[in-house]
Every structure is written in C-alpha cells, then in structure tokens.
Amino acid sequence: MEKESAFSIDAKRSAMLSMDLQSGVVSVYVKEVEFIPRVTAVLERARAAGLAIIHVKVGFRPDVPEANPRNLFLSAIKASPRHQQFFQGTSGAIHPALAPASGDLVVTKSRISAFAGTDLDLLLRARDIETLILFGIATSGVVLATFLAAFDADYRLIVIKDCCADLDQEFHTCLVDKYFPRLAAVVTAGEFQQALASQAH
C-alpha cells in the first residue's frame, strides 16, 4: 500500500475502533506516561472530523458461561474468580480518560477478536463503513485478531501503531513494523492527526 493512501480518509465511510482500553488492562500493559494522552488526542481529533467511534471491551456474564473448556484463555478465566473481577467494575470499565462520548458506540466481546460473537460487523455495515482505524491492547491479541478478521471481511485498514501496546515489545514491533504494513497502512498518532487536519483544510 502506498504511503499516501494512509492519509486518504473518508470520514463518512471510516470508523475508529478503540479496543480493550479498560482500566485494569491499561494498568498492566501501559508503561509509557504519554500513552493515554496520545490516545485521547487521537479520539478527540477523530470525533471532530466526524468519524464513527466504537469502543470495544471485554466482558462476561456471571460465572463466565461463554467459556468452552477447549479455550485455554476463557477456561482460565472461568476457573479464577479473581481473574473475572479484572473485567468487572472499575477495572473492567473503559479507562476514564478514554471513556465514550455522546454518539460513540460500545461493543462488548467475550473472545479475542472484536468481531467474534458481536454485532460489530452489523454496526459497521449499517453505516456503510469501508475503512477501519485500529488500535488497542494488546497488539498481539485484540489488535491482531480484529485486524485479520477485518481484512478477510474486505475492510480497508489503518493501524495507529503508537496507540497499541503489548507486554512482548519484540512481538509488538514485529507486528507494527513488519506484518501489518503488508496488508494495511500503519501510521503514528501524529501522522494520523496531521492527515485529518490537512484534509479539513
């Protein structure tokens, strides 16, 4: 994909997915002080430009009936009340600095991908969305899984790499610098904001 295509954003046909940025998740994965202000600025710029904003979060029913014993991740959560609490209450809420604004949508998932078992695709197609701007935690989890599902569903993709985080920095770097650019535009938060600002003029 040519670099300039990363900056061609039709606001009416684009949606921003802010994924798994819940307080508990952020507290574990984010080590950089500038991360939350950077994401906040990106969300504000996207709203001002008229993009649809969709927040994706992890959530389970009491006792996690969504868990299948064959799913190592979910079965571990089901077996641990302490782990379940991580996705409940204040810990499970979207980080207050990144909380949904009026007009934003929220999708709750119980799998890694934002598409698996949710109405995300329905919401996107109802708005005739063609381009998805992705970021979140973790790069090797929800971002990767949602990226691949969206690519297979023929969405045009943009990843904001410095609004993603992962405990495995080497894997994060491999994904944003080597893998994602093969199938999508990968930009920084600054480049994304500059692109929207230039298009506004």
Protein backbone atom coordinates (compact mmCIF):
# COMPACT_ATOMS: atom_id res chain seq x y z
CA MET A 1 0.00 0.00 0.00
CA GLU A 2 1.42 3.39 -0.94
CA LYS A 3 2.21 5.64 1.99
CA GLU A 4 -0.08 8.46 0.86
CA SER A 5 -3.09 6.11 0.93
CA ALA A 6 -2.76 6.09 4.73
CA PHE A 7 -3.83 9.71 4.73
CA SER A 8 -6.82 9.37 2.42
CA ILE A 9 -9.64 9.09 4.93
CA ASP A 10 -13.30 9.50 4.03
CA ALA A 11 -14.77 10.44 7.41
CA LYS A 12 -18.27 9.32 6.45
CA ARG A 13 -17.03 5.86 5.47
CA SER A 14 -14.49 5.39 8.28
CA ALA A 15 -14.74 4.14 11.84
CA MET A 16 -12.22 4.14 14.67
CA LEU A 17 -12.01 1.06 16.88
CA SER A 18 -10.54 1.74 20.33
CA MET A 19 -10.08 -1.77 21.69
CA ASP A 20 -9.79 -3.24 25.19
CA LEU A 21 -8.60 0.02 26.74
CA GLN A 22 -10.14 -0.87 30.09
CA SER A 23 -8.66 0.45 33.31
CA GLY A 24 -7.36 -2.91 34.50
CA VAL A 25 -5.83 -3.76 31.14
CA VAL A 26 -4.20 -0.34 30.83
CA SER A 27 -2.71 -0.63 34.33
CA VAL A 28 -0.98 -3.89 33.39
CA TYR A 29 0.11 -3.20 29.82
CA VAL A 30 0.88 0.52 29.61
CA LYS A 31 4.30 1.63 30.87
CA GLU A 32 4.55 4.87 28.90
CA VAL A 33 3.19 8.05 30.53
CA GLU A 34 2.33 9.60 27.16
CA PHE A 35 0.19 6.67 26.00
CA ILE A 36 -3.19 7.75 27.43
CA PRO A 37 -2.87 11.44 26.42
CA ARG A 38 -1.85 10.30 22.93
CA VAL A 39 -4.91 8.07 22.56
CA THR A 40 -7.16 10.79 24.00
CA ALA A 41 -5.90 13.26 21.39
CA VAL A 42 -6.49 10.76 18.58
CA LEU A 43 -10.06 10.10 19.72
CA GLU A 44 -10.81 13.81 20.01
CA ARG A 45 -9.42 14.54 16.56
CA ALA A 46 -11.40 11.66 15.04
CA ARG A 47 -14.64 12.86 16.66
CA ALA A 48 -14.02 16.39 15.42
CA ALA A 49 -13.54 15.03 11.91
CA GLY A 50 -16.85 13.15 12.08
CA LEU A 51 -15.55 9.58 12.22
CA ALA A 52 -17.67 6.94 13.93
CA ILE A 53 -16.03 5.92 17.21
CA ILE A 54 -16.55 2.39 18.52
CA HIS A 55 -15.14 1.27 21.85
CA VAL A 56 -14.57 -2.47 22.23
CA LYS A 57 -14.33 -4.03 25.69
CA VAL A 58 -14.07 -7.48 27.22
CA GLY A 59 -17.00 -8.60 29.37
CA PHE A 60 -18.51 -11.82 30.67
CA ARG A 61 -21.75 -12.93 32.32
CA PRO A 62 -21.55 -14.14 35.93
CA ASP A 63 -19.61 -17.44 36.11
CA VAL A 64 -18.45 -16.97 32.50
CA PRO A 65 -20.90 -19.26 30.65
CA GLU A 66 -19.20 -18.11 27.43
CA ALA A 67 -16.18 -20.27 28.27
CA ASN A 68 -15.56 -23.52 26.46
CA PRO A 69 -13.15 -25.96 28.18
CA ARG A 70 -11.18 -26.21 24.94
CA ASN A 71 -10.46 -22.46 25.04
CA LEU A 72 -7.37 -22.10 27.22
CA PHE A 73 -7.85 -18.36 27.79
CA LEU A 74 -11.54 -18.45 28.69
CA SER A 75 -11.34 -21.62 30.77
CA ALA A 76 -8.60 -20.00 32.86
CA ILE A 77 -10.85 -17.00 33.50
CA LYS A 78 -13.80 -19.24 34.36
CA ALA A 79 -11.68 -21.10 36.91
CA SER A 80 -10.49 -17.92 38.62
CA PRO A 81 -12.96 -15.55 40.36
CA ARG A 82 -10.05 -13.13 40.85
CA HIS A 83 -9.40 -13.10 37.11
CA GLN A 84 -13.10 -12.50 36.47
CA GLN A 85 -13.03 -9.44 38.73
CA PHE A 86 -10.34 -7.99 36.49
CA PHE A 87 -13.05 -7.45 33.84
CA GLN A 88 -15.70 -6.17 36.26
CA GLY A 89 -16.46 -2.89 37.99
CA THR A 90 -13.92 -0.10 37.77
CA SER A 91 -11.20 -2.42 36.47
CA GLY A 92 -13.42 -3.62 33.62
CA ALA A 93 -14.66 -0.16 32.68
CA ILE A 94 -13.13 1.76 29.80
CA HIS A 95 -10.34 3.98 31.13
CA PRO A 96 -11.95 7.24 32.32
CA ALA A 97 -9.69 9.39 30.15
CA LEU A 98 -10.84 7.41 27.09
CA ALA A 99 -14.49 6.96 28.06
CA PRO A 100 -17.16 7.01 25.33
CA ALA A 101 -18.54 10.41 24.43
CA SER A 102 -22.07 11.13 23.29
CA GLY A 103 -22.61 9.41 19.96
CA ASP A 104 -19.86 6.83 20.46
CA LEU A 105 -20.81 3.15 20.38
CA VAL A 106 -19.65 0.36 22.70
CA VAL A 107 -19.28 -3.30 21.73
CA THR A 108 -18.72 -5.95 24.41
CA LYS A 109 -16.91 -9.13 23.40
CA SER A 110 -16.05 -12.41 25.07
CA ARG A 111 -13.43 -13.54 22.57
CA ILE A 112 -10.14 -12.08 21.36
CA SER A 113 -11.42 -10.61 18.08
CA ALA A 114 -13.84 -7.70 18.23
CA PHE A 115 -15.89 -9.43 15.53
CA ALA A 116 -16.31 -12.88 17.14
CA GLY A 117 -19.81 -13.22 18.59
CA THR A 118 -20.59 -9.48 18.48
CA ASP A 119 -22.71 -7.18 16.33
CA LEU A 120 -19.69 -5.09 15.27
CA ASP A 121 -19.92 -6.00 11.59
CA LEU A 122 -23.64 -5.20 11.59
CA LEU A 123 -22.97 -1.76 13.09
CA LEU A 124 -20.27 -1.05 10.54
CA ARG A 125 -22.31 -2.15 7.55
CA ALA A 126 -25.34 -0.19 8.76
CA ARG A 127 -23.18 2.93 8.43
CA ASP A 128 -21.65 1.77 5.15
CA ILE A 129 -18.18 1.82 6.70
CA GLU A 130 -15.31 0.89 4.39
CA THR A 131 -12.22 1.88 6.40
CA LEU A 132 -11.30 0.89 9.95
CA ILE A 133 -8.71 2.69 12.05
CA LEU A 134 -7.49 0.23 14.69
CA PHE A 135 -5.58 0.47 17.94
CA GLY A 136 -5.69 -1.05 21.41
CA ILE A 137 -4.25 -3.57 23.84
CA ALA A 138 -2.77 -5.98 23.22
CA THR A 139 -1.14 -5.70 19.82
CA SER A 140 -0.73 -9.48 19.67
CA GLY A 141 -4.27 -10.04 20.99
CA VAL A 142 -7.31 -7.97 20.07
CA VAL A 143 -5.47 -5.84 17.50
CA LEU A 144 -4.06 -8.79 15.57
CA ALA A 145 -7.25 -10.87 15.77
CA THR A 146 -9.52 -7.98 14.76
CA PHE A 147 -7.09 -6.90 12.05
CA LEU A 148 -7.20 -10.32 10.38
CA ALA A 149 -10.98 -10.66 10.68
CA ALA A 150 -11.48 -7.19 9.22
CA PHE A 151 -9.02 -7.84 6.40
CA ASP A 152 -10.87 -11.03 5.46
CA ALA A 153 -14.14 -9.04 5.50
CA ASP A 154 -12.67 -6.61 2.93
CA TYR A 155 -12.34 -3.56 5.16
CA ARG A 156 -9.58 -1.12 4.33
CA LEU A 157 -7.31 -0.91 7.37
CA ILE A 158 -5.21 1.69 9.14
CA VAL A 159 -3.32 0.84 12.33
CA ILE A 160 -2.13 3.58 14.69
CA LYS A 161 0.97 1.85 15.97
CA ASP A 162 1.88 4.04 18.94
CA CYS A 163 -1.65 3.69 20.32
CA CYS A 164 -1.08 -0.06 20.62
CA ALA A 165 0.73 -1.79 23.48
CA ASP A 166 1.90 -5.27 24.35
CA LEU A 167 3.86 -6.90 27.16
CA ASP A 168 6.06 -8.51 24.49
CA GLN A 169 7.74 -5.46 22.94
CA GLU A 170 9.62 -7.54 20.38
CA PHE A 171 6.39 -9.12 19.12
CA HIS A 172 4.67 -5.70 19.09
CA THR A 173 7.48 -4.26 16.98
CA CYS A 174 7.40 -7.20 14.57
CA LEU A 175 3.64 -6.77 14.05
CA VAL A 176 3.55 -3.00 13.56
CA ASP A 177 6.77 -2.73 11.56
CA LYS A 178 6.78 -5.94 9.52
CA TYR A 179 3.44 -7.75 9.43
CA PHE A 180 0.67 -5.14 9.48
CA PRO A 181 2.27 -2.99 6.73
CA ARG A 182 1.94 -5.90 4.32
CA LEU A 183 -1.85 -5.64 4.45
CA ALA A 184 -2.63 -2.14 5.71
CA ALA A 185 -1.42 1.39 6.31
CA VAL A 186 0.49 1.75 9.58
CA VAL A 187 0.90 5.27 10.95
CA THR A 188 1.76 7.11 14.15
CA ALA A 189 -0.79 9.10 16.14
CA GLY A 190 0.87 12.31 14.97
CA GLU A 191 0.71 11.30 11.32
CA PHE A 192 -2.94 10.35 11.67
CA GLN A 193 -3.91 13.63 13.33
CA GLN A 194 -1.95 15.62 10.78
CA ALA A 195 -3.70 13.80 7.95
CA LEU A 196 -7.15 14.66 9.34
CA ALA A 197 -6.14 18.26 9.95
CA SER A 198 -4.81 18.66 6.41
CA GLN A 199 -7.94 17.15 4.90
CA ALA A 200 -10.09 19.55 6.94
CA HIS A 201 -8.39 22.42 5.13
